[in-house]
Amino acid sequence: MTGAWLALVESNTTGTGRQFAAAARARHLRPVLLTRDPGRYPYVAEDGLDVRTLDTDDLDQVVSACAELAAGGRLAGITSSSEYYIATAARVAVGLGLPAPDPEAVARCRDKGRQRRALADAGVPVPGFRTVESVAGAVAAAEELGPPVVLKPATGSGSVGVRLCVDVVEAARWAALLLGRRPRLDLPILVEQAVRGPEFSVETFDGETRAVVAKRLGLEPWFVEVGHDVPAQVPDATREELSRVARRALHALGLGWGAAHTELRLAAAGPVVIEVNPRLAGGMIPAAVRAAIGLDLVDAVVARATGGALPAPAPAAGHAAIRFQMLTREGLVTAVRGGLRAAASPGVVAATALTAPGMVVTRTNSFRDRLACVVAQGHDAVSAQRHADRAAPLFTIDIQAHEDVHEGKRGR
């Protein structure tokens, strides 16, 4: 299989996409990115990645491009690091007889309303919820469920469009904003009861728990993740309870092949599933898992997608932390400095700028507000977190006011 292609359908933009290509090359595969716009991914040019430019929202075009790569038996696998294209990758892979998760289970999982119904029907704890397609429907749902409620698009990732609404008036206003977007990609809206308690993610592979991660969130009413700690510092019984509920959710959704990223809140009565993502975690969580426990989940996904042997765990520090430098002002990015200083800071294993000069950055109250990221390790949780906290501010990102700030393209 040496030299066979690994087709990557689009990519995420916070680091893992680049790692997928590196992992493929380490396995003597030839990564090729199928994308509508190669310019969205600066690493493509920097790393000399092969590219096929096509409309990745057109399934037939993706099938055609992959069939061409497969001619002569030279396509080893198809996958994606993007939430939005994991179902497409699975469908095309199955159609070509390549390893993949169940495409129907993946598609069903990506629709948060369908996902919620499947979990609730199986008795998996989820927030009370309603799916609606109008402002009036959102108001009725908020009144029925009782505020505070969370409104979010039924599809999406990275906290885009997700907001806590403390009363019916706020729910109506946020629903109107979501429904007024163009193109209308936010129908239907999910209205759900707000669950109080710390938030975690359970990272699984082939249905088995590999890590329980503690999330650090920014200020309400938003749900922007500003950091992560691996492993979560909770009692063993709590960790097992979070893990058990996550595995029940995967079983109810017909998942269990490859990677999954399940987000939960630890409420007073126990874990509540917020959502299951049928893919590898983003936000550099895989790098933190590798630093903490020695398991390379990116390489594991590449291996599973191409029928290769899964990687063995490597020696690791025991603990890791991720911290992001967040947007504090909008405008045109004129310079990004300090990456080498951050990378050389004690304990740091990865330091990545998430924007670049020439990009216009605007506040979105989502993952797009992250401007830089560091991953640091330590032999205990305190040292790992201290290293990450000290390194993230070492990035210096110069931003000047820009008259077209709300019309420019973002650097993610």
Protein backbone atom coordinates (compact mmCIF):
# COMPACT_ATOMS: atom_id res chain seq x y z
CA MET A 1 0.00 0.00 0.00
CA THR A 2 3.09 2.26 0.04
CA GLY A 3 2.41 5.45 -1.90
CA ALA A 4 -1.37 4.95 -2.03
CA TRP A 5 -3.58 8.00 -1.64
CA LEU A 6 -5.44 9.02 1.49
CA ALA A 7 -8.22 11.40 0.45
CA LEU A 8 -9.05 14.08 3.03
CA VAL A 9 -12.41 15.74 2.36
CA GLU A 10 -11.89 19.32 3.49
CA SER A 11 -10.22 19.92 6.87
CA ASN A 12 -10.68 21.58 10.18
CA THR A 13 -8.67 24.75 10.65
CA THR A 14 -7.34 24.54 14.21
CA GLY A 15 -4.41 22.19 13.76
CA THR A 16 -5.68 18.63 13.46
CA GLY A 17 -6.10 18.80 9.68
CA ARG A 18 -2.39 19.37 9.26
CA GLN A 19 -1.68 16.48 11.62
CA PHE A 20 -3.83 14.14 9.51
CA ALA A 21 -1.61 14.83 6.51
CA ALA A 22 1.55 14.34 8.58
CA ALA A 23 0.27 11.05 10.01
CA ALA A 24 -0.55 9.79 6.52
CA ARG A 25 2.94 10.60 5.28
CA ALA A 26 4.47 8.86 8.29
CA ARG A 27 2.60 5.74 7.14
CA HIS A 28 4.04 6.15 3.62
CA LEU A 29 0.68 7.27 2.27
CA ARG A 30 0.07 10.22 -0.04
CA PRO A 31 -2.43 12.64 1.54
CA VAL A 32 -4.53 14.63 -0.89
CA LEU A 33 -6.94 17.34 0.19
CA LEU A 34 -10.26 17.59 -1.64
CA THR A 35 -11.43 21.16 -1.13
CA ARG A 36 -13.43 23.97 -2.59
CA ASP A 37 -10.85 26.58 -1.51
CA PRO A 38 -7.24 25.55 -0.74
CA GLY A 39 -6.55 29.10 0.46
CA ARG A 40 -8.55 28.42 3.63
CA TYR A 41 -5.74 26.18 4.83
CA PRO A 42 -2.33 27.91 5.01
CA TYR A 43 -0.59 24.61 5.80
CA VAL A 44 -1.44 23.25 2.34
CA ALA A 45 1.10 25.47 0.62
CA GLU A 46 3.58 25.35 3.50
CA ASP A 47 3.62 21.54 3.52
CA GLY A 48 3.35 21.00 -0.24
CA LEU A 49 0.14 19.01 0.16
CA ASP A 50 -1.50 17.56 -2.96
CA VAL A 51 -4.86 19.19 -3.67
CA ARG A 52 -7.90 18.50 -5.82
CA THR A 53 -10.16 21.56 -6.14
CA LEU A 54 -13.86 20.74 -6.46
CA ASP A 55 -17.25 21.47 -4.96
CA THR A 56 -17.10 19.29 -1.85
CA ASP A 57 -20.79 19.97 -1.17
CA ASP A 58 -21.56 18.06 -4.37
CA LEU A 59 -21.45 14.35 -3.50
CA ASP A 60 -21.11 13.35 -7.13
CA GLN A 61 -17.98 15.48 -7.55
CA VAL A 62 -16.41 13.93 -4.44
CA VAL A 63 -17.27 10.43 -5.70
CA SER A 64 -15.76 11.22 -9.10
CA ALA A 65 -12.53 12.60 -7.61
CA CYS A 66 -12.12 9.59 -5.31
CA ALA A 67 -12.92 7.11 -8.08
CA GLU A 68 -10.18 8.69 -10.16
CA LEU A 69 -7.74 8.31 -7.27
CA ALA A 70 -8.87 4.71 -6.82
CA ALA A 71 -8.09 3.78 -10.42
CA GLY A 72 -5.56 0.99 -10.31
CA GLY A 73 -6.21 0.28 -6.65
CA ARG A 74 -4.20 3.28 -5.43
CA LEU A 75 -6.69 4.78 -2.96
CA ALA A 76 -6.15 3.49 0.58
CA GLY A 77 -8.91 5.39 2.33
CA ILE A 78 -11.13 8.45 2.65
CA THR A 79 -11.76 10.47 5.79
CA SER A 80 -12.16 14.01 7.08
CA SER A 81 -11.17 16.07 10.10
CA SER A 82 -14.12 18.42 9.47
CA GLU A 83 -17.44 18.05 11.26
CA TYR A 84 -19.23 19.11 8.10
CA TYR A 85 -17.74 16.49 5.79
CA ILE A 86 -17.35 13.37 7.92
CA ALA A 87 -20.66 11.98 6.61
CA THR A 88 -19.66 12.69 3.00
CA ALA A 89 -16.34 10.91 3.51
CA ALA A 90 -18.10 7.90 5.02
CA ARG A 91 -20.61 7.64 2.16
CA VAL A 92 -17.96 7.81 -0.53
CA ALA A 93 -15.68 5.36 1.28
CA VAL A 94 -18.45 2.78 1.67
CA GLY A 95 -19.41 3.21 -1.97
CA LEU A 96 -15.85 2.39 -3.01
CA GLY A 97 -15.52 -0.54 -0.60
CA LEU A 98 -13.10 1.25 1.73
CA PRO A 99 -13.13 1.23 5.55
CA ALA A 100 -15.63 3.66 7.07
CA PRO A 101 -18.21 4.10 9.81
CA ASP A 102 -21.90 3.55 9.03
CA PRO A 103 -22.79 6.60 6.90
CA GLU A 104 -26.42 6.58 8.03
CA ALA A 105 -25.41 6.55 11.70
CA VAL A 106 -23.02 9.44 11.09
CA ALA A 107 -25.63 11.49 9.21
CA ARG A 108 -28.25 10.76 11.87
CA CYS A 109 -25.84 11.84 14.58
CA ARG A 110 -24.96 15.13 12.87
CA ASP A 111 -28.58 16.28 13.07
CA LYS A 112 -28.80 17.28 16.73
CA GLY A 113 -32.58 16.94 16.81
CA ARG A 114 -32.52 13.38 15.46
CA GLN A 115 -29.63 12.61 17.76
CA ARG A 116 -31.52 13.87 20.81
CA ARG A 117 -34.60 11.81 19.93
CA ALA A 118 -32.54 8.64 19.48
CA LEU A 119 -30.77 9.16 22.80
CA ALA A 120 -33.97 9.99 24.68
CA ASP A 121 -35.74 6.94 23.21
CA ALA A 122 -32.86 4.77 24.47
CA GLY A 123 -33.05 6.23 27.97
CA VAL A 124 -29.75 8.11 27.72
CA PRO A 125 -29.92 11.27 29.86
CA VAL A 126 -30.26 14.39 27.67
CA PRO A 127 -31.68 17.87 28.33
CA GLY A 128 -35.35 18.46 27.65
CA PHE A 129 -35.55 19.74 24.07
CA ARG A 130 -37.71 20.80 21.16
CA THR A 131 -36.84 21.33 17.49
CA VAL A 132 -38.49 24.39 15.95
CA GLU A 133 -38.49 26.30 12.66
CA SER A 134 -39.96 29.66 13.67
CA VAL A 135 -39.63 32.36 16.29
CA ALA A 136 -43.09 31.48 17.59
CA GLY A 137 -42.01 27.87 17.90
CA ALA A 138 -38.89 28.87 19.82
CA VAL A 139 -40.95 31.01 22.20
CA ALA A 140 -43.43 28.20 22.79
CA ALA A 141 -40.59 25.74 23.41
CA ALA A 142 -38.86 28.09 25.85
CA GLU A 143 -42.10 28.59 27.75
CA GLU A 144 -42.80 24.87 27.87
CA LEU A 145 -39.28 23.85 28.90
CA GLY A 146 -38.86 26.77 31.27
CA PRO A 147 -35.96 29.21 30.99
CA PRO A 148 -33.05 29.41 30.99
CA VAL A 149 -32.76 27.58 27.67
CA VAL A 150 -30.01 27.08 25.12
CA LEU A 151 -30.68 27.78 21.44
CA LYS A 152 -28.46 26.36 18.73
CA PRO A 153 -28.58 25.34 15.07
CA ALA A 154 -29.54 21.70 14.62
CA THR A 155 -26.30 21.15 12.69
CA GLY A 156 -22.93 22.74 13.28
CA SER A 157 -19.92 22.68 15.55
CA GLY A 158 -17.50 24.88 17.46
CA SER A 159 -20.26 26.65 19.45
CA VAL A 160 -21.30 28.58 16.32
CA GLY A 161 -24.73 30.09 16.92
CA VAL A 162 -25.07 28.62 20.43
CA ARG A 163 -26.43 30.94 23.13
CA LEU A 164 -27.87 30.74 26.63
CA CYS A 165 -31.16 32.65 26.85
CA VAL A 166 -32.28 33.54 30.36
CA ASP A 167 -35.87 34.31 29.42
CA VAL A 168 -38.41 34.03 26.62
CA VAL A 169 -37.58 37.51 25.28
CA GLU A 170 -33.93 36.56 24.75
CA ALA A 171 -34.98 33.26 23.18
CA ALA A 172 -37.21 35.08 20.70
CA ARG A 173 -34.46 37.53 19.76
CA TRP A 174 -31.82 34.84 19.26
CA ALA A 175 -34.19 32.64 17.27
CA ALA A 176 -34.98 35.58 14.99
CA LEU A 177 -31.26 36.17 14.44
CA LEU A 178 -30.58 32.52 13.62
CA LEU A 179 -33.59 32.30 11.31
CA GLY A 180 -32.66 35.54 9.59
CA ARG A 181 -29.24 34.36 8.49
CA ARG A 182 -28.53 33.85 4.81
CA PRO A 183 -28.16 31.28 3.49
CA ARG A 184 -30.76 29.58 5.68
CA LEU A 185 -28.49 26.88 7.03
CA ASP A 186 -29.74 27.08 10.60
CA LEU A 187 -33.11 25.33 10.26
CA PRO A 188 -34.32 23.79 12.37
CA ILE A 189 -33.30 25.31 15.70
CA LEU A 190 -32.80 23.19 18.79
CA VAL A 191 -34.22 24.64 22.01
CA GLU A 192 -33.08 22.78 25.09
CA GLN A 193 -33.10 23.11 28.84
CA ALA A 194 -29.91 24.61 30.23
CA VAL A 195 -27.97 22.04 32.24
CA ARG A 196 -25.85 23.39 35.08
CA GLY A 197 -22.59 21.78 36.12
CA PRO A 198 -19.02 21.37 34.85
CA GLU A 199 -18.53 20.24 31.26
CA PHE A 200 -16.44 17.32 30.04
CA SER A 201 -15.75 15.39 26.88
CA VAL A 202 -15.19 11.66 26.59
CA GLU A 203 -12.86 10.68 23.77
CA THR A 204 -13.58 7.17 22.50
CA PHE A 205 -12.11 4.98 19.80
CA ASP A 206 -13.82 1.84 18.56
CA GLY A 207 -16.35 2.30 21.36
CA GLU A 208 -13.77 2.30 24.16
CA THR A 209 -12.97 5.29 26.36
CA ARG A 210 -9.47 6.62 25.79
CA ALA A 211 -9.61 9.89 27.76
CA VAL A 212 -11.96 12.03 29.85
CA VAL A 213 -11.25 15.71 29.29
CA ALA A 214 -12.24 18.70 31.41
CA LYS A 215 -13.47 21.69 29.42
CA ARG A 216 -12.85 25.33 30.31
CA LEU A 217 -15.56 27.64 29.01
CA GLY A 218 -15.61 31.39 28.52
CA LEU A 219 -18.27 33.70 29.93
CA GLU A 220 -21.98 33.15 29.45
CA PRO A 221 -24.22 33.52 27.54
CA TRP A 222 -21.76 31.86 25.14
CA PHE A 223 -20.16 28.42 25.23
CA VAL A 224 -16.73 29.11 23.77
CA GLU A 225 -14.11 26.59 24.88
CA VAL A 226 -11.02 28.51 26.03
CA GLY A 227 -9.04 25.52 27.29
CA HIS A 228 -8.96 21.83 28.13
CA ASP A 229 -7.28 19.67 30.78
CA VAL A 230 -6.31 16.02 30.16
CA PRO A 231 -7.16 13.91 32.05
CA ALA A 232 -9.99 15.58 33.93
CA GLN A 233 -9.22 15.86 37.62
CA VAL A 234 -12.27 14.07 39.01
CA PRO A 235 -12.73 11.04 41.25
CA ASP A 236 -12.42 7.64 39.57
CA ALA A 237 -16.12 6.96 40.15
CA THR A 238 -17.06 10.19 38.37
CA ARG A 239 -14.75 9.42 35.48
CA GLU A 240 -16.30 5.97 35.09
CA GLU A 241 -19.83 7.39 35.25
CA LEU A 242 -19.05 9.93 32.50
CA SER A 243 -17.47 7.18 30.44
CA ARG A 244 -20.38 4.80 30.93
CA VAL A 245 -22.97 7.35 29.82
CA ALA A 246 -20.90 8.28 26.77
CA ARG A 247 -20.63 4.63 25.73
CA ARG A 248 -24.39 4.18 26.17
CA ALA A 249 -24.91 7.15 23.86
CA LEU A 250 -22.66 5.66 21.18
CA HIS A 251 -24.53 2.36 21.36
CA ALA A 252 -27.89 4.11 21.05
CA LEU A 253 -26.71 5.97 17.95
CA GLY A 254 -25.20 2.94 16.22
CA LEU A 255 -21.68 4.34 16.47
CA GLY A 256 -18.51 2.71 17.73
CA TRP A 257 -16.29 2.51 14.63
CA GLY A 258 -13.28 4.79 14.96
CA ALA A 259 -13.24 8.06 16.86
CA ALA A 260 -16.09 9.86 18.62
CA HIS A 261 -16.17 12.97 20.80
CA THR A 262 -19.01 13.07 23.35
CA GLU A 263 -19.72 16.22 25.34
CA LEU A 264 -21.46 15.98 28.71
CA ARG A 265 -22.41 18.16 31.66
CA LEU A 266 -22.12 16.75 35.16
CA ALA A 267 -25.44 17.78 36.69
CA ALA A 268 -26.49 17.21 40.29
CA ALA A 269 -28.28 13.99 39.27
CA GLY A 270 -25.40 12.71 37.14
CA PRO A 271 -23.97 13.09 33.62
CA VAL A 272 -26.17 14.53 30.88
CA VAL A 273 -25.18 14.14 27.22
CA ILE A 274 -25.01 17.51 25.47
CA GLU A 275 -24.02 16.08 22.10
CA VAL A 276 -22.17 13.25 20.40
CA ASN A 277 -19.82 14.08 17.53
CA PRO A 278 -19.05 11.11 15.23
CA ARG A 279 -15.48 12.24 14.66
CA LEU A 280 -12.20 12.99 16.34
CA ALA A 281 -12.20 15.94 18.73
CA GLY A 282 -11.01 19.30 17.45
CA GLY A 283 -9.42 22.14 19.37
CA MET A 284 -6.04 20.35 19.60
CA ILE A 285 -7.49 17.82 22.07
CA PRO A 286 -5.79 14.93 20.20
CA ALA A 287 -2.39 16.61 20.74
CA ALA A 288 -3.13 16.94 24.46
CA VAL A 289 -4.24 13.30 24.68
CA ARG A 290 -1.01 12.21 23.00
CA ALA A 291 1.07 14.34 25.39
CA ALA A 292 -0.81 13.10 28.46
CA ILE A 293 -1.28 9.38 27.80
CA GLY A 294 0.82 8.62 24.72
CA LEU A 295 -2.07 7.65 22.43
CA ASP A 296 -1.94 9.23 18.96
CA LEU A 297 -5.62 9.46 18.05
CA VAL A 298 -4.92 11.21 14.75
CA ASP A 299 -2.72 8.34 13.62
CA ALA A 300 -5.34 5.90 14.89
CA VAL A 301 -8.00 7.53 12.68
CA VAL A 302 -5.68 7.38 9.66
CA ALA A 303 -4.94 3.73 10.44
CA ARG A 304 -8.60 2.80 10.78
CA ALA A 305 -9.55 4.65 7.57
CA THR A 306 -6.85 2.84 5.56
CA GLY A 307 -7.01 -0.61 7.16
CA GLY A 308 -3.64 -0.21 8.84
CA ALA A 309 -2.42 -1.34 12.25
CA LEU A 310 -3.41 0.89 15.16
CA PRO A 311 -0.53 2.71 16.89
CA ALA A 312 0.75 1.46 20.23
CA PRO A 313 0.74 3.94 23.14
CA ALA A 314 4.04 5.75 23.66
CA PRO A 315 5.63 7.02 26.88
CA ALA A 316 3.88 10.18 28.05
CA ALA A 317 4.00 12.86 30.75
CA GLY A 318 0.72 11.94 32.42
CA HIS A 319 -1.03 15.33 32.15
CA ALA A 320 -1.59 18.00 29.52
CA ALA A 321 -3.42 21.30 29.16
CA ILE A 322 -4.60 23.39 26.23
CA ARG A 323 -4.99 27.15 26.38
CA PHE A 324 -6.14 29.53 23.67
CA GLN A 325 -5.35 33.19 23.23
CA MET A 326 -8.73 34.74 22.56
CA LEU A 327 -9.83 37.68 20.45
CA THR A 328 -9.94 40.96 22.40
CA ARG A 329 -10.43 43.40 19.52
CA GLU A 330 -11.69 43.25 15.96
CA GLY A 331 -9.79 44.37 12.90
CA LEU A 332 -7.06 43.55 10.41
CA VAL A 333 -4.26 41.26 11.61
CA THR A 334 -1.00 43.01 10.71
CA ALA A 335 1.53 40.79 12.49
CA VAL A 336 1.74 37.53 14.41
CA ARG A 337 4.81 37.12 16.61
CA GLY A 338 5.96 35.07 19.56
CA GLY A 339 5.30 31.60 18.21
CA LEU A 340 8.90 30.50 18.72
CA ARG A 341 8.92 31.89 22.26
CA ALA A 342 5.71 30.03 23.06
CA ALA A 343 7.03 26.79 21.56
CA ALA A 344 10.23 27.09 23.62
CA SER A 345 8.38 27.78 26.86
CA PRO A 346 8.73 25.05 29.54
CA GLY A 347 6.47 22.05 29.02
CA VAL A 348 5.05 23.21 25.67
CA VAL A 349 4.67 20.49 23.03
CA ALA A 350 2.70 22.51 20.45
CA ALA A 351 2.25 26.22 19.78
CA THR A 352 0.13 27.29 16.84
CA ALA A 353 -1.12 30.63 15.53
CA LEU A 354 -4.72 30.34 14.35
CA THR A 355 -4.69 33.55 12.34
CA ALA A 356 -2.25 35.26 9.98
CA PRO A 357 -1.35 38.73 8.71
CA GLY A 358 -3.90 39.99 6.23
CA MET A 359 -6.83 38.27 7.88
CA VAL A 360 -9.73 40.28 9.26
CA VAL A 361 -10.96 38.99 12.61
CA THR A 362 -14.40 39.66 14.06
CA ARG A 363 -16.07 38.51 17.23
CA THR A 364 -18.32 35.51 16.63
CA ASN A 365 -18.57 34.07 20.17
CA SER A 366 -17.47 30.72 18.77
CA PHE A 367 -14.27 28.76 18.17
CA ARG A 368 -13.36 31.36 15.53
CA ASP A 369 -12.47 33.80 18.33
CA ARG A 370 -9.34 31.77 19.08
CA LEU A 371 -6.20 33.45 17.74
CA ALA A 372 -3.49 31.13 19.06
CA CYS A 373 -3.17 27.82 20.88
CA VAL A 374 -0.62 26.08 23.08
CA VAL A 375 -0.51 22.51 24.37
CA ALA A 376 1.68 21.88 27.40
CA GLN A 377 2.47 18.76 29.39
CA GLY A 378 3.49 18.03 32.96
CA HIS A 379 3.88 15.20 35.44
CA ASP A 380 0.91 16.54 37.39
CA ALA A 381 -2.13 18.59 36.50
CA VAL A 382 -0.92 21.75 38.22
CA SER A 383 2.37 21.90 36.32
CA ALA A 384 0.75 21.17 32.95
CA GLN A 385 -1.82 23.90 33.49
CA ARG A 386 0.80 26.37 34.72
CA HIS A 387 2.97 25.77 31.64
CA ALA A 388 0.01 26.32 29.30
CA ASP A 389 -1.21 29.42 31.15
CA ARG A 390 2.24 31.00 30.88
CA ALA A 391 2.85 30.14 27.23
CA ALA A 392 -0.42 31.20 25.58
CA PRO A 393 0.10 34.96 26.18
CA LEU A 394 3.56 34.80 24.58
CA PHE A 395 1.94 35.13 21.17
CA THR A 396 1.70 38.78 20.12
CA ILE A 397 -1.00 39.45 17.54
CA ASP A 398 -1.19 42.99 16.21
CA ILE A 399 -4.66 44.07 15.09
CA GLN A 400 -5.55 47.45 13.65
CA ALA A 401 -8.99 48.93 13.13
CA HIS A 402 -10.38 48.09 9.73
CA GLU A 403 -13.38 49.70 8.06
CA ASP A 404 -14.41 46.46 6.39
CA VAL A 405 -14.10 44.41 9.56
CA HIS A 406 -17.51 42.79 9.16
CA GLU A 407 -16.97 41.98 5.49
CA GLY A 408 -13.44 40.60 5.50
CA LYS A 409 -12.49 36.92 5.58
CA ARG A 410 -11.52 35.26 8.81
CA GLY A 411 -8.23 33.60 9.52
CA ARG A 412 -9.27 30.07 10.55
